[in-house]
Protein backbone atom coordinates (compact mmCIF):
# COMPACT_ATOMS: atom_id res chain seq x y z
CA MET A 1 0.00 0.00 0.00
CA THR A 2 1.07 3.61 -0.55
CA ASP A 3 -0.04 7.01 0.64
CA LYS A 4 0.24 8.39 -2.90
CA TYR A 5 -2.40 8.37 -5.63
CA GLU A 6 -1.85 5.65 -8.21
CA SER A 7 -3.66 5.50 -11.53
CA PRO A 8 -6.00 2.49 -11.73
CA LEU A 9 -4.94 2.15 -15.34
CA VAL A 10 -1.45 1.30 -14.07
CA THR A 11 -2.33 -0.72 -10.97
CA ARG A 12 -5.42 -2.61 -12.18
CA TYR A 13 -6.15 -2.50 -15.88
CA ALA A 14 -3.29 -2.00 -18.35
CA SER A 15 -0.78 -4.70 -19.30
CA PRO A 16 2.79 -4.70 -17.91
CA GLN A 17 4.02 -4.12 -21.47
CA MET A 18 2.03 -0.93 -21.93
CA VAL A 19 2.86 0.37 -18.45
CA SER A 20 6.55 -0.23 -19.19
CA LEU A 21 6.38 1.61 -22.50
CA PHE A 22 5.17 4.76 -20.75
CA SER A 23 7.44 4.41 -17.72
CA GLN A 24 9.96 7.04 -16.74
CA ASP A 25 12.77 4.59 -17.44
CA THR A 26 11.65 4.06 -21.05
CA ARG A 27 11.16 7.77 -21.61
CA TYR A 28 14.51 8.91 -20.23
CA ARG A 29 16.54 6.05 -21.65
CA THR A 30 15.10 6.96 -25.03
CA TRP A 31 16.25 10.54 -24.45
CA ARG A 32 19.78 9.28 -23.85
CA LYS A 33 19.67 7.06 -26.94
CA LEU A 34 18.63 10.08 -28.97
CA TRP A 35 21.51 12.16 -27.62
CA ALA A 36 23.97 9.35 -28.27
CA VAL A 37 22.75 8.81 -31.85
CA LEU A 38 22.82 12.57 -32.47
CA ALA A 39 26.43 12.78 -31.30
CA ARG A 40 27.46 9.76 -33.38
CA THR A 41 25.79 11.17 -36.50
CA GLU A 42 27.34 14.61 -36.00
CA MET A 43 30.75 12.94 -35.64
CA GLU A 44 30.21 10.91 -38.83
CA LEU A 45 29.34 14.10 -40.70
CA GLY A 46 32.49 15.91 -39.62
CA LEU A 47 31.77 17.80 -36.40
CA PRO A 48 34.54 17.81 -33.75
CA ILE A 49 33.26 14.89 -31.68
CA THR A 50 35.44 11.87 -30.88
CA GLN A 51 34.67 8.18 -30.98
CA GLN A 52 35.58 8.01 -27.28
CA GLN A 53 32.86 10.56 -26.47
CA VAL A 54 30.30 8.67 -28.52
CA ASP A 55 31.24 5.34 -26.93
CA GLU A 56 30.95 6.83 -23.47
CA LEU A 57 27.46 8.16 -24.25
CA PHE A 58 26.29 4.75 -25.46
CA ALA A 59 27.85 3.07 -22.42
CA HIS A 60 25.78 5.16 -19.99
CA ILE A 61 22.31 5.06 -21.52
CA ASP A 62 20.79 2.94 -18.74
CA ASP A 63 22.47 4.14 -15.52
CA ILE A 64 20.33 7.19 -14.82
CA ASP A 65 20.82 8.87 -11.43
CA TYR A 66 17.25 9.97 -10.84
CA GLU A 67 17.94 11.53 -7.47
CA ALA A 68 20.67 13.74 -8.94
CA GLU A 69 18.33 14.66 -11.81
CA ARG A 70 15.54 15.62 -9.40
CA GLN A 71 17.82 17.85 -7.37
CA ARG A 72 19.16 19.52 -10.53
CA GLU A 73 15.64 20.11 -11.90
CA LYS A 74 14.65 21.83 -8.65
CA GLU A 75 17.52 24.25 -9.24
CA VAL A 76 17.14 24.93 -12.96
CA ARG A 77 13.36 24.32 -13.42
CA HIS A 78 14.01 22.56 -16.73
CA ASP A 79 13.71 18.79 -17.04
CA VAL A 80 15.68 18.43 -20.26
CA MET A 81 18.64 20.48 -19.03
CA ALA A 82 18.57 18.57 -15.75
CA HIS A 83 18.92 15.34 -17.71
CA VAL A 84 21.68 16.81 -19.91
CA TRP A 85 23.59 17.69 -16.74
CA THR A 86 23.01 14.24 -15.18
CA TYR A 87 24.05 12.47 -18.40
CA GLY A 88 27.19 14.60 -18.49
CA LYS A 89 28.07 13.48 -14.96
CA ALA A 90 27.78 9.85 -16.08
CA ALA A 91 29.75 10.46 -19.32
CA PRO A 92 32.13 13.31 -18.40
CA SER A 93 34.26 13.19 -21.55
CA ALA A 94 31.12 13.85 -23.61
CA ALA A 95 29.47 16.39 -21.29
CA GLY A 96 30.41 19.30 -23.52
CA ILE A 97 28.86 17.93 -26.72
CA ILE A 98 25.59 16.45 -25.42
CA HIS A 99 22.57 18.10 -27.10
CA LEU A 100 24.82 19.92 -29.59
CA GLY A 101 22.68 22.06 -31.94
CA ALA A 102 19.46 20.64 -30.53
CA THR A 103 16.48 22.08 -28.70
CA SER A 104 14.45 20.31 -26.01
CA CYS A 105 11.93 18.91 -28.46
CA PHE A 106 14.68 16.90 -30.09
CA VAL A 107 14.48 14.48 -27.18
CA THR A 108 10.96 15.07 -25.85
CA ASP A 109 9.12 14.90 -29.18
CA ASN A 110 11.22 12.27 -30.88
CA ALA A 111 11.00 10.06 -27.79
CA ASP A 112 7.23 10.49 -27.78
CA LEU A 113 7.09 9.54 -31.46
CA ILE A 114 9.11 6.39 -30.77
CA ILE A 115 6.99 5.40 -27.77
CA TYR A 116 3.69 6.20 -29.52
CA ARG A 117 4.76 4.20 -32.58
CA ASP A 118 5.68 1.20 -30.43
CA ALA A 119 2.52 1.51 -28.33
CA LEU A 120 0.30 1.80 -31.38
CA SER A 121 1.96 -1.25 -32.92
CA TYR A 122 1.30 -3.16 -29.70
CA ILE A 123 -2.36 -2.06 -29.72
CA LYS A 124 -2.67 -3.23 -33.31
CA GLU A 125 -1.30 -6.67 -32.39
CA GLU A 126 -3.70 -6.91 -29.46
CA ALA A 127 -6.61 -5.93 -31.71
CA LEU A 128 -5.56 -8.65 -34.15
CA ARG A 129 -5.54 -11.13 -31.27
CA LEU A 130 -9.08 -10.09 -30.39
CA LEU A 131 -9.98 -10.56 -34.05
CA ALA A 132 -8.58 -14.10 -33.92
CA PHE A 133 -10.70 -15.00 -30.88
CA LEU A 134 -13.76 -13.48 -32.53
CA ALA A 135 -13.11 -15.34 -35.79
CA ASP A 136 -13.00 -18.65 -33.93
CA ALA A 137 -16.28 -17.85 -32.19
CA ALA A 138 -17.93 -16.77 -35.45
CA GLU A 139 -16.84 -20.00 -37.12
CA LYS A 140 -18.10 -22.10 -34.21
CA TYR A 141 -21.56 -20.51 -34.15
CA LYS A 142 -22.06 -19.55 -37.79
CA ASP A 143 -24.93 -22.06 -38.20
CA LEU A 144 -26.62 -21.57 -34.81
CA PRO A 145 -29.93 -19.69 -35.19
CA VAL A 146 -30.58 -17.10 -32.47
CA PRO A 147 -33.28 -14.47 -32.08
CA GLY A 148 -32.63 -11.35 -34.12
CA TYR A 149 -33.51 -7.92 -32.77
CA THR A 150 -34.18 -4.51 -34.25
CA HIS A 151 -34.96 -1.68 -31.83
CA TYR A 152 -34.28 -4.41 -29.24
CA GLN A 153 -37.57 -5.97 -30.30
CA PRO A 154 -37.76 -9.53 -31.71
CA ALA A 155 -37.05 -9.63 -35.45
CA GLN A 156 -35.96 -12.17 -38.06
CA PRO A 157 -33.49 -14.72 -36.64
CA VAL A 158 -29.81 -14.47 -37.39
CA THR A 159 -27.04 -16.85 -36.36
CA ALA A 160 -24.78 -16.26 -33.40
CA GLY A 161 -21.81 -16.36 -35.78
CA LYS A 162 -23.32 -13.67 -38.00
CA ARG A 163 -23.82 -11.38 -35.00
CA ILE A 164 -20.20 -11.92 -33.96
CA ALA A 165 -19.14 -11.14 -37.54
CA LEU A 166 -20.67 -7.68 -37.11
CA TRP A 167 -18.28 -7.08 -34.21
CA ILE A 168 -15.38 -8.41 -36.27
CA GLN A 169 -16.13 -6.02 -39.10
CA ASP A 170 -16.02 -2.99 -36.79
CA ILE A 171 -12.71 -4.02 -35.25
CA TRP A 172 -11.26 -4.90 -38.64
CA GLU A 173 -11.98 -1.33 -39.75
CA ASP A 174 -10.29 -0.04 -36.59
CA ILE A 175 -7.20 -2.11 -37.29
CA ASN A 176 -7.04 -0.68 -40.80
CA GLU A 177 -7.32 2.83 -39.38
CA ILE A 178 -4.55 2.20 -36.87
CA GLY A 179 -2.40 0.82 -39.68
CA PHE A 180 -3.05 3.97 -41.70
CA VAL A 181 -1.95 6.16 -38.78
CA LEU A 182 1.17 4.06 -38.26
CA ASP A 183 2.08 4.24 -41.94
CA GLY A 184 1.76 8.03 -41.84
CA MET A 185 3.95 8.58 -38.78
CA LYS A 186 7.15 10.50 -39.42
CA PHE A 187 10.11 11.55 -37.29
CA LEU A 188 10.80 15.09 -36.13
CA GLY A 189 14.57 14.87 -36.31
CA SER A 190 16.71 17.71 -34.96
CA ARG A 191 15.27 20.89 -36.42
CA GLY A 192 16.20 23.63 -33.97
CA ALA A 193 14.23 26.11 -31.87
CA THR A 194 11.70 27.09 -34.54
CA GLY A 195 12.16 24.31 -37.06
CA THR A 196 14.52 26.32 -39.29
CA GLU A 197 17.68 24.24 -38.57
CA ALA A 198 19.54 27.54 -38.16
CA SER A 199 21.89 26.14 -35.48
CA TYR A 200 22.94 23.35 -37.83
CA MET A 201 23.55 25.80 -40.65
CA ASP A 202 26.20 27.28 -38.35
CA LEU A 203 27.62 23.93 -37.28
CA PHE A 204 27.79 22.53 -40.83
CA ASP A 205 28.93 25.77 -42.45
CA GLY A 206 25.73 26.21 -44.43
CA ASP A 207 25.75 22.69 -45.90
CA GLY A 208 22.03 21.82 -46.04
CA CYS A 209 22.74 18.40 -47.54
CA LYS A 210 24.61 17.38 -44.39
CA ILE A 211 21.69 18.54 -42.25
CA ASP A 212 19.29 16.44 -44.32
CA GLU A 213 21.62 13.46 -44.08
CA MET A 214 21.93 13.92 -40.32
CA ASN A 215 18.17 13.83 -39.88
CA ARG A 216 17.82 10.89 -42.25
CA ARG A 217 20.37 8.85 -40.30
CA ILE A 218 18.85 9.69 -36.91
CA ALA A 219 15.37 8.78 -38.14
CA GLU A 220 16.66 5.54 -39.63
CA ALA A 221 18.39 4.60 -36.36
CA PHE A 222 14.97 4.60 -34.67
CA GLY A 223 13.07 2.83 -37.42
CA PHE A 224 11.52 5.82 -39.23
CA SER A 225 11.83 6.17 -42.98
CA GLU A 226 11.39 9.94 -43.15
CA CYS A 227 11.01 13.16 -41.19
CA TYR A 228 8.20 15.69 -41.44
CA PRO A 229 9.03 17.96 -44.40
CA VAL A 230 8.33 21.12 -42.40
CA CYS A 231 7.69 21.73 -38.73
CA GLY A 232 7.89 24.32 -36.00
CA GLN A 233 9.68 23.42 -32.82
CA THR A 234 7.49 20.34 -32.35
CA TYR A 235 6.11 17.59 -34.52
CA PRO A 236 2.56 18.42 -35.70
CA ARG A 237 0.10 17.89 -32.85
CA LYS A 238 -2.41 16.75 -35.45
CA LEU A 239 -0.72 13.38 -35.08
CA ASP A 240 -1.81 13.10 -31.45
CA SER A 241 -5.36 13.84 -32.55
CA ARG A 242 -5.20 11.14 -35.22
CA ILE A 243 -3.76 8.60 -32.80
CA LEU A 244 -6.37 9.23 -30.13
CA SER A 245 -9.14 9.17 -32.73
CA SER A 246 -8.05 5.73 -33.88
CA LEU A 247 -7.92 4.49 -30.29
CA SER A 248 -11.34 5.99 -29.65
CA SER A 249 -12.71 4.17 -32.69
CA LEU A 250 -11.44 0.90 -31.26
CA GLY A 251 -13.09 1.78 -27.96
CA GLN A 252 -16.39 2.41 -29.74
CA SER A 253 -16.28 -1.03 -31.35
CA CYS A 254 -15.44 -2.81 -28.12
CA TYR A 255 -18.15 -0.88 -26.29
CA ARG A 256 -20.72 -1.95 -28.87
CA MET A 257 -19.60 -5.59 -28.63
CA ALA A 258 -19.59 -5.62 -24.82
CA GLN A 259 -22.96 -3.93 -24.64
CA ASP A 260 -24.45 -6.51 -27.02
CA ILE A 261 -23.13 -9.27 -24.75
CA ARG A 262 -24.60 -7.53 -21.70
CA LEU A 263 -28.01 -7.40 -23.39
CA MET A 264 -27.85 -11.07 -24.31
CA GLN A 265 -26.61 -12.06 -20.86
CA HIS A 266 -29.75 -10.43 -19.46
CA ASP A 267 -31.74 -12.89 -21.57
CA ARG A 268 -29.32 -15.72 -20.64
CA GLN A 269 -28.53 -16.31 -24.32
CA MET A 270 -24.83 -15.45 -24.15
CA GLU A 271 -22.47 -15.05 -21.19
CA GLU A 272 -19.01 -13.77 -20.42
CA PRO A 273 -16.71 -16.12 -18.43
CA PHE A 274 -17.52 -16.66 -14.77
CA GLU A 275 -14.98 -18.44 -12.55
CA ASP A 276 -15.88 -21.10 -9.96
CA GLN A 277 -14.95 -18.87 -7.01
CA GLN A 278 -16.17 -15.62 -8.55
CA ILE A 279 -18.67 -13.57 -6.51
CA GLY A 280 -21.30 -11.70 -8.50
CA SER A 281 -22.80 -9.67 -5.66
CA SER A 282 -22.01 -9.10 -1.99
CA ALA A 283 -25.73 -9.25 -1.21
CA MET A 284 -27.39 -11.40 -3.87
CA ALA A 285 -25.42 -14.63 -3.81
CA TYR A 286 -26.99 -16.02 -7.00
CA LYS A 287 -25.90 -13.09 -9.17
CA GLN A 288 -23.59 -13.59 -12.18
CA ASN A 289 -23.15 -10.05 -13.38
CA PRO A 290 -21.39 -9.27 -16.69
CA MET A 291 -18.74 -7.30 -14.82
CA ARG A 292 -16.01 -7.62 -17.46
CA CYS A 293 -18.24 -6.35 -20.24
CA GLU A 294 -19.42 -3.59 -17.93
CA ARG A 295 -15.78 -2.68 -17.31
CA ILE A 296 -15.09 -2.64 -21.05
CA CYS A 297 -17.94 -0.18 -21.51
CA SER A 298 -16.80 1.91 -18.56
CA LEU A 299 -13.20 2.19 -19.76
CA ALA A 300 -14.21 2.63 -23.41
CA ARG A 301 -16.43 5.53 -22.40
CA TYR A 302 -13.38 7.28 -20.92
CA LEU A 303 -11.30 6.42 -23.98
CA MET A 304 -13.91 7.88 -26.31
CA ILE A 305 -13.77 11.35 -24.72
CA LEU A 306 -9.98 11.75 -24.94
CA PRO A 307 -9.80 12.68 -28.66
CA THR A 308 -11.53 15.95 -27.79
CA ASP A 309 -8.54 16.77 -25.59
CA ALA A 310 -6.08 16.09 -28.42
CA ALA A 311 -8.21 18.02 -30.91
CA MET A 312 -8.19 21.10 -28.68
CA THR A 313 -4.43 20.85 -28.27
CA ALA A 314 -3.84 20.44 -32.01
CA SER A 315 -6.01 23.45 -32.79
CA SER A 316 -4.36 25.78 -30.25
CA GLN A 317 -0.69 25.54 -31.21
CA TRP A 318 0.47 29.13 -31.55
CA LEU A 319 2.75 29.88 -34.46
CA GLU A 320 5.95 27.81 -34.07
CA ARG A 321 4.84 26.37 -30.67
CA THR A 322 3.37 27.01 -27.23
CA LEU A 323 3.99 25.03 -24.07
CA ASP A 324 0.38 24.63 -22.96
CA ASP A 325 0.37 21.23 -24.64
CA SER A 326 3.09 19.72 -22.45
CA ALA A 327 1.40 18.88 -19.14
CA ASN A 328 -1.78 18.02 -21.02
CA ARG A 329 -0.11 15.49 -23.32
CA ARG A 330 1.78 13.82 -20.47
CA ILE A 331 -1.60 12.77 -19.09
CA ALA A 332 -4.00 12.38 -22.02
CA VAL A 333 -1.91 10.41 -24.51
CA PRO A 334 -0.44 7.76 -22.17
CA GLU A 335 -3.83 7.26 -20.52
CA ALA A 336 -5.48 6.79 -23.91
CA PHE A 337 -3.00 4.05 -24.78
CA MET A 338 -3.28 2.32 -21.41
CA CYS A 339 -7.07 2.57 -21.52
CA ALA A 340 -7.20 1.07 -25.04
CA ASP A 341 -4.84 -1.68 -23.90
CA ALA A 342 -7.06 -2.44 -20.89
CA VAL A 343 -10.17 -2.59 -23.07
CA LEU A 344 -8.52 -5.01 -25.48
CA ARG A 345 -7.21 -7.27 -22.70
CA LEU A 346 -10.68 -7.50 -21.22
CA ALA A 347 -12.25 -8.09 -24.63
CA CYS A 348 -9.81 -10.92 -25.43
CA ASN A 349 -10.53 -12.48 -22.06
CA VAL A 350 -14.29 -12.30 -22.58
CA ILE A 351 -14.36 -13.59 -26.15
CA SER A 352 -11.88 -16.42 -25.53
CA GLY A 353 -14.26 -17.74 -22.84
CA LEU A 354 -17.56 -16.69 -24.41
CA LYS A 355 -20.49 -19.01 -23.71
CA VAL A 356 -23.58 -19.33 -25.89
CA ASN A 357 -26.52 -21.03 -24.18
CA GLU A 358 -28.03 -22.94 -27.08
CA LYS A 359 -31.01 -24.34 -25.19
CA ILE A 360 -32.14 -20.86 -24.13
CA THR A 361 -31.79 -19.46 -27.64
CA GLU A 362 -33.79 -22.40 -28.98
CA LYS A 363 -36.54 -21.85 -26.37
CA THR A 364 -36.70 -18.12 -27.11
CA LEU A 365 -36.86 -18.78 -30.83
CA ARG A 366 -39.75 -21.19 -30.37
CA GLU A 367 -41.62 -18.49 -28.50
CA TYR A 368 -41.10 -15.77 -31.09
CA LEU A 369 -40.81 -17.71 -34.33
CA PRO A 370 -44.59 -17.96 -35.00
CA PHE A 371 -44.74 -14.15 -34.98
CA ILE A 372 -41.58 -13.78 -37.03
CA ALA A 373 -42.86 -16.36 -39.54
CA THR A 374 -46.10 -14.49 -40.25
CA GLU A 375 -44.57 -12.87 -43.35
CA ASP A 376 -43.72 -16.30 -44.76
CA ILE A 377 -47.15 -17.56 -43.77
CA LEU A 378 -48.67 -14.64 -45.66
CA MET A 379 -46.59 -15.46 -48.75
CA GLU A 380 -47.55 -19.12 -48.59
CA ALA A 381 -51.24 -18.25 -48.32
CA VAL A 382 -50.99 -15.85 -51.28
CA LYS A 383 -49.32 -18.58 -53.37
CA ARG A 384 -52.42 -20.68 -52.70
CA GLY A 385 -54.63 -18.05 -54.26
CA GLY A 386 -55.41 -15.60 -51.46
CA ASP A 387 -55.57 -11.80 -51.61
CA ARG A 388 -52.45 -10.36 -50.08
CA GLN A 389 -54.09 -7.31 -48.43
CA GLU A 390 -57.04 -9.24 -47.02
CA LEU A 391 -54.79 -11.99 -45.67
CA HIS A 392 -52.47 -9.42 -44.10
CA GLU A 393 -55.41 -8.02 -42.11
CA HIS A 394 -56.45 -11.50 -40.94
CA ILE A 395 -52.93 -12.28 -39.74
CA ARG A 396 -52.53 -8.85 -38.13
CA LYS A 397 -55.65 -9.20 -36.00
CA ILE A 398 -54.79 -12.70 -34.83
CA SER A 399 -51.18 -11.74 -34.12
CA VAL A 400 -52.12 -8.64 -32.11
CA LYS A 401 -54.58 -10.68 -30.07
CA ALA A 402 -51.90 -13.29 -29.42
CA SER A 403 -49.39 -10.64 -28.41
CA GLU A 404 -51.80 -9.05 -25.94
CA ALA A 405 -52.60 -12.43 -24.40
CA ILE A 406 -48.91 -13.22 -23.91
CA LYS A 407 -48.34 -9.83 -22.28
CA GLN A 408 -51.03 -10.78 -19.76
CA GLY A 409 -49.19 -14.00 -18.97
CA GLU A 410 -51.65 -16.19 -20.83
CA ASP A 411 -50.88 -19.06 -23.17
CA TYR A 412 -51.94 -18.41 -26.77
CA ASP A 413 -51.45 -20.84 -29.61
CA LEU A 414 -50.89 -18.42 -32.48
CA LEU A 415 -50.35 -21.18 -35.03
CA GLY A 416 -53.49 -22.97 -33.91
CA HIS A 417 -55.60 -19.84 -34.37
CA LEU A 418 -54.06 -19.14 -37.77
CA ALA A 419 -54.84 -22.73 -38.84
CA GLU A 420 -58.44 -22.23 -37.79
CA ASP A 421 -58.81 -19.17 -40.05
CA SER A 422 -60.25 -20.60 -43.28
CA ALA A 423 -59.25 -17.49 -45.23
CA LEU A 424 -55.59 -18.54 -45.01
CA GLY A 425 -56.22 -22.05 -46.28
CA LEU A 426 -53.27 -23.50 -44.30
CA SER A 427 -53.40 -26.54 -42.04
CA ARG A 428 -51.53 -26.87 -38.76
CA GLU A 429 -49.15 -29.26 -40.49
CA ASP A 430 -48.50 -26.63 -43.18
CA LEU A 431 -47.71 -24.07 -40.50
CA ASP A 432 -45.50 -26.41 -38.45
CA ARG A 433 -43.35 -26.99 -41.52
CA LEU A 434 -42.62 -23.26 -41.53
CA MET A 435 -41.28 -23.34 -37.95
CA ASP A 436 -37.72 -24.43 -38.75
CA PRO A 437 -35.44 -21.53 -37.63
CA ALA A 438 -32.98 -22.39 -40.41
CA LEU A 439 -35.58 -21.19 -42.92
CA TYR A 440 -35.32 -17.65 -41.58
CA VAL A 441 -31.61 -16.97 -41.20
CA GLY A 442 -31.04 -16.27 -44.89
CA ARG A 443 -27.39 -16.38 -45.96
CA CYS A 444 -25.94 -15.96 -42.44
CA SER A 445 -23.69 -19.01 -42.61
CA GLU A 446 -22.54 -18.21 -46.13
CA GLN A 447 -21.85 -14.58 -45.20
CA VAL A 448 -19.77 -15.57 -42.20
CA THR A 449 -17.74 -18.10 -44.19
CA SER A 450 -17.07 -15.61 -46.97
CA PHE A 451 -16.14 -12.85 -44.53
CA LEU A 452 -13.79 -15.03 -42.50
CA GLU A 453 -11.90 -15.92 -45.67
CA LYS A 454 -10.91 -12.26 -45.86
CA ILE A 455 -9.99 -12.09 -42.19
CA ARG A 456 -8.00 -15.31 -41.79
CA PRO A 457 -4.83 -14.11 -43.58
CA LEU A 458 -4.57 -11.23 -41.08
CA ILE A 459 -4.65 -13.52 -38.06
CA SER A 460 -2.90 -16.64 -39.32
CA SER A 461 0.13 -16.10 -37.05
CA VAL A 462 -1.58 -14.42 -34.11
CA ASP A 463 -0.77 -15.75 -30.64
CA LYS A 464 -4.04 -16.83 -29.01
CA GLU A 465 -2.64 -17.44 -25.56
CA GLU A 466 -5.26 -17.04 -22.86
CA VAL A 467 -5.53 -13.51 -21.43
CA ILE A 468 -5.71 -13.64 -17.63
CA ILE A 469 -7.55 -10.83 -15.85
CA ASP A 470 -6.62 -10.79 -12.17
CA VAL A 471 -9.23 -8.34 -10.92
């Protein structure tokens, strides 16, 4: 226990991998890597930096004296310069050339770009894992008829697999969007205080080609193929907005999926996993609440509001830069990633253990199918020579009467009453033949099979190891 506030995203919900990516160690070690690569590249391009200095910088990337850095930051009120000073203490021969020609955003922004790229790639892989679990479930239940709903009222049956395919399609689109954002990410490089590279024009005696080559090499060292063509002091904050929008989109899809499961769990048709020792309620011992799906919705709701934060920041960047984005981004962007990660972990856990109660769905279908089948009954009666409009009115009156009786808790044999109506000209045997749910699911199975053929190549190598949720 601690007497300090701790984010639940860190302590309860996000994965160790995502928490580590946004840790102080990762952030500040990345700063040091950037400084070391900058020095090496400047040396290679002819600036007066020695191999010994470069080697010493690379040798001291990981041994950060955080206490010394904290004390220095209290004195100078500047985190980057405090880290420059601390790095210089660890690598004294290179102390005089650390950060040469650079401004603070060289380390802060480029490190963010590296971390965001890696975090977004991790989210994409987790989303693909969720897709793999969903694809297995869709395949398993592609032929199982279940009640369909529009307006949350009984409608034509679908199959459980077809419903799951709807969730897959949403998440597939999200994965494509995340891939688009990743493909468009560029590096900032070392561009100077206002993005003009003026300091490097002095250092390289006006040789712009060397500056371009320096930035190309630095970007390449961190896995980026190009830098932004133009920038101010920072990379464009539009990128943050695009990243958070893609994460929000994923949250929307998972929310929809989890909410659908919650609705079906109410009707006992589908259930999230429930462990042997799990307690559903402190008061009502019988309860098996859909707490994981509820948590998905709760976290996704938070995730979905964060793009507004990034949009406001992107729209309010004054001229070459303003610092009112800094504290904001330290909170909003990491929390968006950890929240998206938490949602995906929960979703993988739910779908990998998803339970469909086939007997309940069959019972519910039997109850509603006579009503749902009235359109087919009408068509069959018309084929036998009846007047469509007159028959529609006969069926409507009988159906409404049946519905009212059921609402009053009474038994009402809709098919029996329809068989007794001579205007329809259909026997009870004729009507019973129309009560096969498979007659009403259309091309569900075919649609699922065709759709999964498109999805399978994306998930052929996905690791489907069980996702354990501790709390």
